[in-house]
Amino acid sequence: MAESAGYPKFQLGRPRYDQTCFLGRLRHFVDIINPTTLFVSEKQLIECVKLLDDFKHGTLPFGVSDMQLWEAQKIKQAIIHPDTGEKIFMPFRMSGYVPFGTPIVVGLLLPNQTVVSTIFWQWLNQSHNACVNYSNRNASKPTPTSKFLQGYVGAVTSAVSLAVGLNLLIQKSNCLNPATRMIIQRLVPFPAVASANICNVGLMRHNELSEGIDVLDENGNLVGSSKIAAKHAIMETAFTRVVLPMPIFVLPPIVMSYLEKLPLLQTNRRLLLPIHSLVCLTTFSLSLPLAISLFPQMSQIEVSQLEPEIAMATNSKVVTYNKGL
C-alpha cells in the first residue's frame, strides 16, 4: 500500500481524526456532512465499497494509497448506514441536511407569519427532521412502522402547538411596541423547534429504550444489547438537536433586523429574501458540524455503568455503541 503525505496510516472502520477531542470530531463530521458526497455516482460508491472490502480481505491492488482509502471510507460513511448497510435516501443524509433544510429554515423565519403559514413550515420542518432522525438512528434493532408514525405525529403536534400558541400570545400582548414584537415573533421558531426536536428524537427512537442497542468490545465483537446505552445515545442526540437550532433560529433574526435598516435594503426590498436565505445558509452550515461534534458517533461507555449481564459477557472495561446522528 502506498504512503500518502499528510494522511495517517489507514485503519478500517476507525475515524481518521482523534474522536476524544472536540476538534478531531469536528474535522471528522465536516467530512461526513460534506455536500459534495451527494454527487457521488452509484459506480463510484461501488468502487469505494470494493476498495474497502479488498483492504479487509488483504487483496488490495498494488499502489493504492492511504489517501484513497480514507476518501473511500468517507464516501461510504456519508452514504451508507453503519448498522443496516443500506444507502440513506439523499435528502435525509447528514450531508443533505443543510442543502435540503435551509429552504425550510428560511420559511420558518419569514416575518409576518400567519397561523396557516406557521403550521405549514413547522409541519414541513418536523417531517424533514423525523425522516433524518429515522434514517440516521441506531438500527441494530428493527423499528416498527407504527413507532415511526407515533413519533412523527407527536413531534409535529408539539412543534405546531407551541409555535401557534406563542405567536397568538405575542399578538395579543399590548405592552410590546411593533418593532419589539416583530423581533420576538421572529424568535418564536427556536423554542418551538428545540422542544419538538427533543420529542422527535425521543419518540422516533423510543423503541431503542425498550429493545436496547448493540454494544461492541474493542475488537468490534457484539457483547449484547443494552437499554442503558440506548438511553445515553438518545440523550446525547436530543441534546445536539437542542444546540443545533439555537444559532440557526436566533442569529438570522437579529442579523436581519439590522440589515433591513440599511439604505440598500430599504430601497431594494427584493434583495431581502436572497440575503435572508444567505444568512440562514451560512448559519446552518456552521452550526451543524459544531452541534453534532459535541459527542462522537461511536460513543464509549464503561461496562460498570451497564447491565450486569453485559459485564458478565465481556472482559473489556469499555464498550462502544452507535449513538446515531
C-alpha atoms as a PDB file:
ATOM      1  CA  MET A   1       0.000   0.000   0.000  1.00  0.00           C
ATOM      2  CA  ALA A   2       1.384   3.400  -0.997  1.00  0.00           C
ATOM      3  CA  GLU A   3       2.065   6.096   1.581  1.00  0.00           C
ATOM      4  CA  SER A   4       0.240   9.455   1.355  1.00  0.00           C
ATOM      5  CA  ALA A   5       1.811  12.671   2.604  1.00  0.00           C
ATOM      6  CA  GLY A   6      -0.290  14.270   5.343  1.00  0.00           C
ATOM      7  CA  TYR A   7      -2.514  11.202   5.787  1.00  0.00           C
ATOM      8  CA  PRO A   8      -2.204   8.804   8.753  1.00  0.00           C
ATOM      9  CA  LYS A   9      -1.992   5.054   8.184  1.00  0.00           C
ATOM     10  CA  PHE A  10      -5.441   3.812   7.184  1.00  0.00           C
ATOM     11  CA  GLN A  11      -7.469   1.841   9.747  1.00  0.00           C
ATOM     12  CA  LEU A  12     -10.677   0.230   8.534  1.00  0.00           C
ATOM     13  CA  GLY A  13     -13.755   1.365  10.443  1.00  0.00           C
ATOM     14  CA  ARG A  14     -11.756   3.837  12.522  1.00  0.00           C
ATOM     15  CA  PRO A  15     -12.091   7.637  12.129  1.00  0.00           C
ATOM     16  CA  ARG A  16      -9.209   9.457  10.507  1.00  0.00           C
ATOM     17  CA  TYR A  17      -9.221  12.077  13.279  1.00  0.00           C
ATOM     18  CA  ASP A  18      -8.987  11.691  17.051  1.00  0.00           C
ATOM     19  CA  GLN A  19     -12.529  11.332  18.435  1.00  0.00           C
ATOM     20  CA  THR A  20     -11.576  12.009  22.047  1.00  0.00           C
ATOM     21  CA  CYS A  21     -11.282  15.766  21.420  1.00  0.00           C
ATOM     22  CA  PHE A  22     -13.811  18.224  20.002  1.00  0.00           C
ATOM     23  CA  LEU A  23     -11.544  19.427  17.187  1.00  0.00           C
ATOM     24  CA  GLY A  24     -10.977  15.873  15.977  1.00  0.00           C
ATOM     25  CA  ARG A  25     -14.712  15.152  15.978  1.00  0.00           C
ATOM     26  CA  LEU A  26     -15.364  18.442  14.180  1.00  0.00           C
ATOM     27  CA  ARG A  27     -12.909  17.578  11.397  1.00  0.00           C
ATOM     28  CA  HIS A  28     -14.463  14.099  11.144  1.00  0.00           C
ATOM     29  CA  PHE A  29     -18.044  15.377  10.837  1.00  0.00           C
ATOM     30  CA  VAL A  30     -17.079  18.120   8.376  1.00  0.00           C
ATOM     31  CA  ASP A  31     -16.044  15.202   6.148  1.00  0.00           C
ATOM     32  CA  ILE A  32     -19.270  13.258   6.812  1.00  0.00           C
ATOM     33  CA  ILE A  33     -21.603  16.208   6.085  1.00  0.00           C
ATOM     34  CA  ASN A  34     -19.649  17.423   3.047  1.00  0.00           C
ATOM     35  CA  PRO A  35     -22.407  18.134   0.453  1.00  0.00           C
ATOM     36  CA  THR A  36     -20.104  17.065  -2.395  1.00  0.00           C
ATOM     37  CA  THR A  37     -20.766  13.439  -1.373  1.00  0.00           C
ATOM     38  CA  LEU A  38     -24.343  13.963  -2.626  1.00  0.00           C
ATOM     39  CA  PHE A  39     -22.944  13.911  -6.163  1.00  0.00           C
ATOM     40  CA  VAL A  40     -21.126  10.581  -5.809  1.00  0.00           C
ATOM     41  CA  SER A  41     -22.378   8.204  -8.520  1.00  0.00           C
ATOM     42  CA  GLU A  42     -23.501   4.626  -7.914  1.00  0.00           C
ATOM     43  CA  LYS A  43     -20.402   3.438  -9.779  1.00  0.00           C
ATOM     44  CA  GLN A  44     -18.083   5.494  -7.525  1.00  0.00           C
ATOM     45  CA  LEU A  45     -19.824   4.189  -4.409  1.00  0.00           C
ATOM     46  CA  ILE A  46     -19.467   0.569  -5.528  1.00  0.00           C
ATOM     47  CA  GLU A  47     -15.765   1.167  -6.248  1.00  0.00           C
ATOM     48  CA  CYS A  48     -15.259   2.676  -2.772  1.00  0.00           C
ATOM     49  CA  VAL A  49     -17.023  -0.248  -1.051  1.00  0.00           C
ATOM     50  CA  LYS A  50     -14.984  -2.756  -3.098  1.00  0.00           C
ATOM     51  CA  LEU A  51     -11.740  -0.973  -2.213  1.00  0.00           C
ATOM     52  CA  LEU A  52     -12.567  -1.224   1.497  1.00  0.00           C
ATOM     53  CA  ASP A  53     -13.575  -4.885   1.136  1.00  0.00           C
ATOM     54  CA  ASP A  54     -10.272  -5.592  -0.651  1.00  0.00           C
ATOM     55  CA  PHE A  55      -8.392  -3.946   2.228  1.00  0.00           C
ATOM     56  CA  LYS A  56     -10.365  -6.004   4.763  1.00  0.00           C
ATOM     57  CA  HIS A  57      -9.573  -9.286   2.994  1.00  0.00           C
ATOM     58  CA  GLY A  58      -5.947  -8.407   2.242  1.00  0.00           C
ATOM     59  CA  THR A  59      -6.436  -8.327  -1.540  1.00  0.00           C
ATOM     60  CA  LEU A  60      -5.768  -4.623  -2.057  1.00  0.00           C
ATOM     61  CA  PRO A  61      -4.322  -3.800  -5.503  1.00  0.00           C
ATOM     62  CA  PHE A  62      -0.743  -2.547  -5.562  1.00  0.00           C
ATOM     63  CA  GLY A  63      -0.288   1.225  -5.412  1.00  0.00           C
ATOM     64  CA  VAL A  64      -3.494   2.120  -3.523  1.00  0.00           C
ATOM     65  CA  SER A  65      -2.638   4.963  -1.132  1.00  0.00           C
ATOM     66  CA  ASP A  66      -3.867   5.773   2.368  1.00  0.00           C
ATOM     67  CA  MET A  67      -5.462   8.908   0.912  1.00  0.00           C
ATOM     68  CA  GLN A  68      -7.595   6.802  -1.463  1.00  0.00           C
ATOM     69  CA  LEU A  69      -8.676   4.518   1.367  1.00  0.00           C
ATOM     70  CA  TRP A  70      -9.611   7.389   3.690  1.00  0.00           C
ATOM     71  CA  GLU A  71     -11.556   9.026   0.851  1.00  0.00           C
ATOM     72  CA  ALA A  72     -13.359   5.754   0.113  1.00  0.00           C
ATOM     73  CA  GLN A  73     -14.299   5.351   3.769  1.00  0.00           C
ATOM     74  CA  LYS A  74     -15.524   8.971   3.950  1.00  0.00           C
ATOM     75  CA  ILE A  75     -17.826   8.406   0.979  1.00  0.00           C
ATOM     76  CA  LYS A  76     -19.149   5.130   2.381  1.00  0.00           C
ATOM     77  CA  GLN A  77     -19.820   6.638   5.823  1.00  0.00           C
ATOM     78  CA  ALA A  78     -21.622   9.615   4.271  1.00  0.00           C
ATOM     79  CA  ILE A  79     -23.957   7.470   2.162  1.00  0.00           C
ATOM     80  CA  ILE A  80     -24.376   4.043   3.781  1.00  0.00           C
ATOM     81  CA  HIS A  81     -25.930   3.425   7.213  1.00  0.00           C
ATOM     82  CA  PRO A  82     -23.363   1.758   9.540  1.00  0.00           C
ATOM     83  CA  ASP A  83     -25.918  -0.703  11.003  1.00  0.00           C
ATOM     84  CA  THR A  84     -28.108  -1.637   8.031  1.00  0.00           C
ATOM     85  CA  GLY A  85     -25.506  -1.381   5.270  1.00  0.00           C
ATOM     86  CA  GLU A  86     -28.134   0.296   3.102  1.00  0.00           C
ATOM     87  CA  LYS A  87     -27.975   3.632   1.274  1.00  0.00           C
ATOM     88  CA  ILE A  88     -29.613   6.547   3.079  1.00  0.00           C
ATOM     89  CA  PHE A  89     -32.052   8.488   0.893  1.00  0.00           C
ATOM     90  CA  MET A  90     -30.257  11.648  -0.272  1.00  0.00           C
ATOM     91  CA  PRO A  91     -32.432  14.352   1.430  1.00  0.00           C
ATOM     92  CA  PHE A  92     -32.142  12.521   4.761  1.00  0.00           C
ATOM     93  CA  ARG A  93     -28.360  12.062   4.840  1.00  0.00           C
ATOM     94  CA  MET A  94     -26.423  14.351   7.183  1.00  0.00           C
ATOM     95  CA  SER A  95     -24.619  15.634   4.073  1.00  0.00           C
ATOM     96  CA  GLY A  96     -28.022  16.682   2.720  1.00  0.00           C
ATOM     97  CA  TYR A  97     -29.271  18.262   5.935  1.00  0.00           C
ATOM     98  CA  VAL A  98     -28.072  21.788   5.104  1.00  0.00           C
ATOM     99  CA  PRO A  99     -28.915  21.865   1.343  1.00  0.00           C
ATOM    100  CA  PHE A 100     -32.403  20.394   1.857  1.00  0.00           C
ATOM    101  CA  GLY A 101     -33.054  22.003   5.250  1.00  0.00           C
ATOM    102  CA  THR A 102     -32.080  25.609   4.500  1.00  0.00           C
ATOM    103  CA  PRO A 103     -35.231  26.440   2.450  1.00  0.00           C
ATOM    104  CA  ILE A 104     -37.309  25.215   5.412  1.00  0.00           C
ATOM    105  CA  VAL A 105     -35.313  27.381   7.842  1.00  0.00           C
ATOM    106  CA  VAL A 106     -35.861  30.399   5.588  1.00  0.00           C
ATOM    107  CA  GLY A 107     -39.595  29.673   5.571  1.00  0.00           C
ATOM    108  CA  LEU A 108     -39.727  29.328   9.347  1.00  0.00           C
ATOM    109  CA  LEU A 109     -38.002  32.693   9.799  1.00  0.00           C
ATOM    110  CA  LEU A 110     -40.086  34.687   7.324  1.00  0.00           C
ATOM    111  CA  PRO A 111     -41.640  37.757   9.011  1.00  0.00           C
ATOM    112  CA  ASN A 112     -45.387  38.362   9.381  1.00  0.00           C
ATOM    113  CA  GLN A 113     -46.303  34.681   9.580  1.00  0.00           C
ATOM    114  CA  THR A 114     -49.997  33.740   9.540  1.00  0.00           C
ATOM    115  CA  VAL A 115     -51.351  30.801  11.548  1.00  0.00           C
ATOM    116  CA  VAL A 116     -51.591  28.746   8.345  1.00  0.00           C
ATOM    117  CA  SER A 117     -48.005  29.517   7.257  1.00  0.00           C
ATOM    118  CA  THR A 118     -46.705  28.782  10.776  1.00  0.00           C
ATOM    119  CA  ILE A 119     -48.438  25.393  10.763  1.00  0.00           C
ATOM    120  CA  PHE A 120     -47.152  24.600   7.261  1.00  0.00           C
ATOM    121  CA  TRP A 121     -43.482  25.416   7.934  1.00  0.00           C
ATOM    122  CA  GLN A 122     -43.446  23.704  11.348  1.00  0.00           C
ATOM    123  CA  TRP A 123     -45.055  20.613   9.808  1.00  0.00           C
ATOM    124  CA  LEU A 124     -42.533  20.579   6.947  1.00  0.00           C
ATOM    125  CA  ASN A 125     -39.588  21.080   9.316  1.00  0.00           C
ATOM    126  CA  GLN A 126     -40.592  18.289  11.692  1.00  0.00           C
ATOM    127  CA  SER A 127     -41.390  15.977   8.762  1.00  0.00           C
ATOM    128  CA  HIS A 128     -37.857  16.512   7.470  1.00  0.00           C
ATOM    129  CA  ASN A 129     -36.368  16.115  10.971  1.00  0.00           C
ATOM    130  CA  ALA A 130     -38.346  12.917  11.588  1.00  0.00           C
ATOM    131  CA  CYS A 131     -37.017  11.367   8.386  1.00  0.00           C
ATOM    132  CA  VAL A 132     -33.436  12.485   9.168  1.00  0.00           C
ATOM    133  CA  ASN A 133     -33.669  11.086  12.720  1.00  0.00           C
ATOM    134  CA  TYR A 134     -35.113   7.792  11.496  1.00  0.00           C
ATOM    135  CA  SER A 135     -32.602   7.444   8.657  1.00  0.00           C
ATOM    136  CA  ASN A 136     -29.610   8.111  10.959  1.00  0.00           C
ATOM    137  CA  ARG A 137     -30.850   6.222  14.027  1.00  0.00           C
ATOM    138  CA  ASN A 138     -29.125   3.295  15.705  1.00  0.00           C
ATOM    139  CA  ALA A 139     -30.618   0.485  13.611  1.00  0.00           C
ATOM    140  CA  SER A 140     -29.099  -2.507  15.375  1.00  0.00           C
ATOM    141  CA  LYS A 141     -32.687  -3.455  16.289  1.00  0.00           C
ATOM    142  CA  PRO A 142     -35.673  -3.208  13.913  1.00  0.00           C
ATOM    143  CA  THR A 143     -38.129  -0.334  14.454  1.00  0.00           C
ATOM    144  CA  PRO A 144     -41.825  -0.981  13.683  1.00  0.00           C
ATOM    145  CA  THR A 145     -43.509   1.463  11.284  1.00  0.00           C
ATOM    146  CA  SER A 146     -46.113   2.201  13.976  1.00  0.00           C
ATOM    147  CA  LYS A 147     -43.379   3.606  16.241  1.00  0.00           C
ATOM    148  CA  PHE A 148     -42.162   5.858  13.435  1.00  0.00           C
ATOM    149  CA  LEU A 149     -45.697   7.186  12.859  1.00  0.00           C
ATOM    150  CA  GLN A 150     -46.256   7.778  16.599  1.00  0.00           C
ATOM    151  CA  GLY A 151     -43.029   9.752  16.833  1.00  0.00           C
ATOM    152  CA  TYR A 152     -43.826  11.730  13.705  1.00  0.00           C
ATOM    153  CA  VAL A 153     -47.320  12.724  14.894  1.00  0.00           C
ATOM    154  CA  GLY A 154     -46.030  13.611  18.381  1.00  0.00           C
ATOM    155  CA  ALA A 155     -43.210  15.798  17.060  1.00  0.00           C
ATOM    156  CA  VAL A 156     -45.389  17.667  14.553  1.00  0.00           C
ATOM    157  CA  THR A 157     -48.145  18.221  17.132  1.00  0.00           C
ATOM    158  CA  SER A 158     -45.730  19.609  19.749  1.00  0.00           C
ATOM    159  CA  ALA A 159     -43.995  21.944  17.258  1.00  0.00           C
ATOM    160  CA  VAL A 160     -47.188  23.320  15.731  1.00  0.00           C
ATOM    161  CA  SER A 161     -48.945  23.741  19.096  1.00  0.00           C
ATOM    162  CA  LEU A 162     -46.069  25.639  20.687  1.00  0.00           C
ATOM    163  CA  ALA A 163     -45.358  27.847  17.650  1.00  0.00           C
ATOM    164  CA  VAL A 164     -49.012  28.796  17.109  1.00  0.00           C
ATOM    165  CA  GLY A 165     -49.568  29.317  20.838  1.00  0.00           C
ATOM    166  CA  LEU A 166     -46.556  31.610  21.223  1.00  0.00           C
ATOM    167  CA  ASN A 167     -47.490  33.609  18.118  1.00  0.00           C
ATOM    168  CA  LEU A 168     -51.040  34.170  19.363  1.00  0.00           C
ATOM    169  CA  LEU A 169     -49.720  35.150  22.799  1.00  0.00           C
ATOM    170  CA  ILE A 170     -47.359  37.746  21.293  1.00  0.00           C
ATOM    171  CA  GLN A 171     -50.042  39.161  19.012  1.00  0.00           C
ATOM    172  CA  LYS A 172     -52.363  39.704  21.983  1.00  0.00           C
ATOM    173  CA  SER A 173     -49.649  41.377  24.037  1.00  0.00           C
ATOM    174  CA  ASN A 174     -50.304  45.116  24.334  1.00  0.00           C
ATOM    175  CA  CYS A 175     -47.131  46.013  26.211  1.00  0.00           C
ATOM    176  CA  LEU A 176     -44.806  45.465  23.216  1.00  0.00           C
ATOM    177  CA  ASN A 177     -44.056  48.112  20.597  1.00  0.00           C
ATOM    178  CA  PRO A 178     -44.285  46.949  16.936  1.00  0.00           C
ATOM    179  CA  ALA A 179     -40.512  46.680  16.439  1.00  0.00           C
ATOM    180  CA  THR A 180     -40.006  44.578  19.569  1.00  0.00           C
ATOM    181  CA  ARG A 181     -42.996  42.425  18.706  1.00  0.00           C
ATOM    182  CA  MET A 182     -41.546  41.780  15.234  1.00  0.00           C
ATOM    183  CA  ILE A 183     -38.166  40.631  16.646  1.00  0.00           C
ATOM    184  CA  ILE A 184     -39.797  38.388  19.267  1.00  0.00           C
ATOM    185  CA  GLN A 185     -42.099  36.852  16.669  1.00  0.00           C
ATOM    186  CA  ARG A 186     -39.075  36.013  14.562  1.00  0.00           C
ATOM    187  CA  LEU A 187     -37.506  34.230  17.555  1.00  0.00           C
ATOM    188  CA  VAL A 188     -40.605  32.065  18.165  1.00  0.00           C
ATOM    189  CA  PRO A 189     -39.407  29.217  15.881  1.00  0.00           C
ATOM    190  CA  PHE A 190     -36.468  28.436  18.202  1.00  0.00           C
ATOM    191  CA  PRO A 191     -38.358  27.264  21.340  1.00  0.00           C
ATOM    192  CA  ALA A 192     -40.926  25.536  19.123  1.00  0.00           C
ATOM    193  CA  VAL A 193     -38.302  23.702  17.080  1.00  0.00           C
ATOM    194  CA  ALA A 194     -36.000  22.909  20.032  1.00  0.00           C
ATOM    195  CA  SER A 195     -38.774  21.370  22.149  1.00  0.00           C
ATOM    196  CA  ALA A 196     -40.202  19.499  19.170  1.00  0.00           C
ATOM    197  CA  ASN A 197     -36.728  18.177  18.292  1.00  0.00           C
ATOM    198  CA  ILE A 198     -36.485  16.597  21.751  1.00  0.00           C
ATOM    199  CA  CYS A 199     -39.901  14.998  21.244  1.00  0.00           C
ATOM    200  CA  ASN A 200     -38.909  13.974  17.727  1.00  0.00           C
ATOM    201  CA  VAL A 201     -35.734  12.152  18.804  1.00  0.00           C
ATOM    202  CA  GLY A 202     -37.359  10.610  21.888  1.00  0.00           C
ATOM    203  CA  LEU A 203     -40.467   9.396  20.092  1.00  0.00           C
ATOM    204  CA  MET A 204     -38.753   8.332  16.872  1.00  0.00           C
ATOM    205  CA  ARG A 205     -36.203   6.260  18.806  1.00  0.00           C
ATOM    206  CA  HIS A 206     -38.336   5.151  21.753  1.00  0.00           C
ATOM    207  CA  ASN A 207     -38.101   1.549  20.561  1.00  0.00           C
ATOM    208  CA  GLU A 208     -34.392   1.568  21.434  1.00  0.00           C
ATOM    209  CA  LEU A 209     -35.236   2.144  25.103  1.00  0.00           C
ATOM    210  CA  SER A 210     -37.368  -0.991  25.272  1.00  0.00           C
ATOM    211  CA  GLU A 211     -35.228  -3.200  22.991  1.00  0.00           C
ATOM    212  CA  GLY A 212     -31.757  -1.859  23.799  1.00  0.00           C
ATOM    213  CA  ILE A 213     -28.937  -1.220  21.316  1.00  0.00           C
ATOM    214  CA  ASP A 214     -25.915  -3.326  20.438  1.00  0.00           C
ATOM    215  CA  VAL A 215     -22.686  -2.692  22.322  1.00  0.00           C
ATOM    216  CA  LEU A 216     -19.315  -3.850  20.975  1.00  0.00           C
ATOM    217  CA  ASP A 217     -15.956  -4.645  22.553  1.00  0.00           C
ATOM    218  CA  GLU A 218     -12.645  -3.142  21.427  1.00  0.00           C
ATOM    219  CA  ASN A 219     -12.364  -5.742  18.657  1.00  0.00           C
ATOM    220  CA  GLY A 220     -15.791  -4.912  17.250  1.00  0.00           C
ATOM    221  CA  ASN A 221     -17.387  -8.098  18.573  1.00  0.00           C
ATOM    222  CA  LEU A 222     -21.014  -7.958  19.732  1.00  0.00           C
ATOM    223  CA  VAL A 223     -21.266  -8.136  23.526  1.00  0.00           C
ATOM    224  CA  GLY A 224     -25.048  -7.771  23.871  1.00  0.00           C
ATOM    225  CA  SER A 225     -27.941  -5.306  23.872  1.00  0.00           C
ATOM    226  CA  SER A 226     -28.110  -2.523  26.454  1.00  0.00           C
ATOM    227  CA  LYS A 227     -31.068  -0.324  27.379  1.00  0.00           C
ATOM    228  CA  ILE A 228     -28.774   1.908  29.442  1.00  0.00           C
ATOM    229  CA  ALA A 229     -26.544   2.537  26.414  1.00  0.00           C
ATOM    230  CA  ALA A 230     -29.707   3.300  24.408  1.00  0.00           C
ATOM    231  CA  LYS A 231     -30.713   5.908  26.986  1.00  0.00           C
ATOM    232  CA  HIS A 232     -27.282   7.552  26.732  1.00  0.00           C
ATOM    233  CA  ALA A 233     -27.442   7.511  22.918  1.00  0.00           C
ATOM    234  CA  ILE A 234     -30.878   9.161  22.813  1.00  0.00           C
ATOM    235  CA  MET A 235     -29.996  11.791  25.445  1.00  0.00           C
ATOM    236  CA  GLU A 236     -26.812  12.755  23.587  1.00  0.00           C
ATOM    237  CA  THR A 237     -28.647  13.001  20.251  1.00  0.00           C
ATOM    238  CA  ALA A 238     -31.510  15.008  21.794  1.00  0.00           C
ATOM    239  CA  PHE A 239     -29.013  17.453  23.327  1.00  0.00           C
ATOM    240  CA  THR A 240     -27.396  18.091  19.939  1.00  0.00           C
ATOM    241  CA  ARG A 241     -30.889  18.698  18.475  1.00  0.00           C
ATOM    242  CA  VAL A 242     -31.415  21.487  21.033  1.00  0.00           C
ATOM    243  CA  VAL A 243     -27.997  23.064  20.440  1.00  0.00           C
ATOM    244  CA  LEU A 244     -28.315  22.854  16.636  1.00  0.00           C
ATOM    245  CA  PRO A 245     -31.301  25.224  16.143  1.00  0.00           C
ATOM    246  CA  MET A 246     -30.053  27.753  18.705  1.00  0.00           C
ATOM    247  CA  PRO A 247     -27.785  29.765  16.364  1.00  0.00           C
ATOM    248  CA  ILE A 248     -29.902  28.909  13.291  1.00  0.00           C
ATOM    249  CA  PHE A 249     -33.097  30.434  14.671  1.00  0.00           C
ATOM    250  CA  VAL A 250     -31.612  33.136  16.909  1.00  0.00           C
ATOM    251  CA  LEU A 251     -28.804  34.743  14.876  1.00  0.00           C
ATOM    252  CA  PRO A 252     -30.553  35.322  11.488  1.00  0.00           C
ATOM    253  CA  PRO A 253     -33.472  37.313  13.003  1.00  0.00           C
ATOM    254  CA  ILE A 254     -31.038  39.513  14.919  1.00  0.00           C
ATOM    255  CA  VAL A 255     -28.757  39.982  11.889  1.00  0.00           C
ATOM    256  CA  MET A 256     -31.700  40.707   9.565  1.00  0.00           C
ATOM    257  CA  SER A 257     -33.213  43.253  11.973  1.00  0.00           C
ATOM    258  CA  TYR A 258     -30.030  45.325  11.491  1.00  0.00           C
ATOM    259  CA  LEU A 259     -29.533  44.640   7.778  1.00  0.00           C
ATOM    260  CA  GLU A 260     -33.100  45.683   6.951  1.00  0.00           C
ATOM    261  CA  LYS A 261     -32.306  49.197   8.196  1.00  0.00           C
ATOM    262  CA  LEU A 262     -29.507  49.631   5.660  1.00  0.00           C
ATOM    263  CA  PRO A 263     -30.299  52.126   2.853  1.00  0.00           C
ATOM    264  CA  LEU A 264     -29.527  49.477   0.209  1.00  0.00           C
ATOM    265  CA  LEU A 265     -32.228  47.149   1.509  1.00  0.00           C
ATOM    266  CA  GLN A 266     -34.620  49.996   2.251  1.00  0.00           C
ATOM    267  CA  THR A 267     -34.630  50.914  -1.426  1.00  0.00           C
ATOM    268  CA  ASN A 268     -34.269  47.355  -2.820  1.00  0.00           C
ATOM    269  CA  ARG A 269     -36.767  45.214  -0.916  1.00  0.00           C
ATOM    270  CA  ARG A 270     -36.387  42.391  -3.453  1.00  0.00           C
ATOM    271  CA  LEU A 271     -32.904  41.730  -2.040  1.00  0.00           C
ATOM    272  CA  LEU A 272     -34.320  40.850   1.382  1.00  0.00           C
ATOM    273  CA  LEU A 273     -35.198  37.228   0.601  1.00  0.00           C
ATOM    274  CA  PRO A 274     -31.887  36.266  -1.085  1.00  0.00           C
ATOM    275  CA  ILE A 275     -29.867  37.961   1.682  1.00  0.00           C
ATOM    276  CA  HIS A 276     -32.048  36.330   4.332  1.00  0.00           C
ATOM    277  CA  SER A 277     -31.507  32.966   2.633  1.00  0.00           C
ATOM    278  CA  LEU A 278     -27.723  33.526   2.501  1.00  0.00           C
ATOM    279  CA  VAL A 279     -27.617  34.407   6.225  1.00  0.00           C
ATOM    280  CA  CYS A 280     -29.623  31.259   7.059  1.00  0.00           C
ATOM    281  CA  LEU A 281     -27.438  29.058   4.836  1.00  0.00           C
ATOM    282  CA  THR A 282     -24.225  30.394   6.400  1.00  0.00           C
ATOM    283  CA  THR A 283     -25.511  29.962   9.953  1.00  0.00           C
ATOM    284  CA  PHE A 284     -26.853  26.463   9.259  1.00  0.00           C
ATOM    285  CA  SER A 285     -23.605  25.376   7.580  1.00  0.00           C
ATOM    286  CA  LEU A 286     -21.559  26.474  10.606  1.00  0.00           C
ATOM    287  CA  SER A 287     -23.989  25.204  13.243  1.00  0.00           C
ATOM    288  CA  LEU A 288     -24.472  21.635  12.024  1.00  0.00           C
ATOM    289  CA  PRO A 289     -20.877  20.366  12.331  1.00  0.00           C
ATOM    290  CA  LEU A 290     -20.420  22.192  15.654  1.00  0.00           C
ATOM    291  CA  ALA A 291     -23.576  20.631  17.134  1.00  0.00           C
ATOM    292  CA  ILE A 292     -23.056  17.034  16.030  1.00  0.00           C
ATOM    293  CA  SER A 293     -19.389  17.198  17.100  1.00  0.00           C
ATOM    294  CA  LEU A 294     -20.380  17.523  20.761  1.00  0.00           C
ATOM    295  CA  PHE A 295     -20.342  13.710  21.011  1.00  0.00           C
ATOM    296  CA  PRO A 296     -18.639  11.027  18.888  1.00  0.00           C
ATOM    297  CA  GLN A 297     -20.983   8.952  16.721  1.00  0.00           C
ATOM    298  CA  MET A 298     -19.401   5.748  18.018  1.00  0.00           C
ATOM    299  CA  SER A 299     -19.544   6.579  21.723  1.00  0.00           C
ATOM    300  CA  GLN A 300     -17.937   4.637  24.527  1.00  0.00           C
ATOM    301  CA  ILE A 301     -19.253   3.762  27.968  1.00  0.00           C
ATOM    302  CA  GLU A 302     -17.736   1.879  30.891  1.00  0.00           C
ATOM    303  CA  VAL A 303     -19.070  -1.644  31.329  1.00  0.00           C
ATOM    304  CA  SER A 304     -19.555  -0.951  35.064  1.00  0.00           C
ATOM    305  CA  GLN A 305     -22.327   1.529  34.163  1.00  0.00           C
ATOM    306  CA  LEU A 306     -24.273  -1.033  32.123  1.00  0.00           C
ATOM    307  CA  GLU A 307     -26.482  -4.018  32.957  1.00  0.00           C
ATOM    308  CA  PRO A 308     -24.871  -6.919  34.922  1.00  0.00           C
ATOM    309  CA  GLU A 309     -25.348  -9.325  32.004  1.00  0.00           C
ATOM    310  CA  ILE A 310     -23.216  -7.058  29.797  1.00  0.00           C
ATOM    311  CA  ALA A 311     -20.414  -7.026  32.393  1.00  0.00           C
ATOM    312  CA  MET A 312     -20.553 -10.838  32.602  1.00  0.00           C
ATOM    313  CA  ALA A 313     -20.356 -11.223  28.815  1.00  0.00           C
ATOM    314  CA  THR A 314     -17.023  -9.419  28.298  1.00  0.00           C
ATOM    315  CA  ASN A 315     -13.639  -8.783  29.860  1.00  0.00           C
ATOM    316  CA  SER A 316     -13.493  -5.302  28.337  1.00  0.00           C
ATOM    317  CA  LYS A 317     -13.635  -2.293  30.657  1.00  0.00           C
ATOM    318  CA  VAL A 318     -15.226  -0.107  27.972  1.00  0.00           C
ATOM    319  CA  VAL A 319     -17.704  -0.903  25.183  1.00  0.00           C
ATOM    320  CA  THR A 320     -18.775   1.052  22.111  1.00  0.00           C
ATOM    321  CA  TYR A 321     -22.221   1.843  20.713  1.00  0.00           C
ATOM    322  CA  ASN A 322     -23.534   3.732  17.708  1.00  0.00           C
ATOM    323  CA  LYS A 323     -25.109   6.912  19.098  1.00  0.00           C
ATOM    324  CA  GLY A 324     -26.746   7.757  15.797  1.00  0.00           C
ATOM    325  CA  LEU A 325     -26.755  11.273  14.344  1.00  0.00           C
END
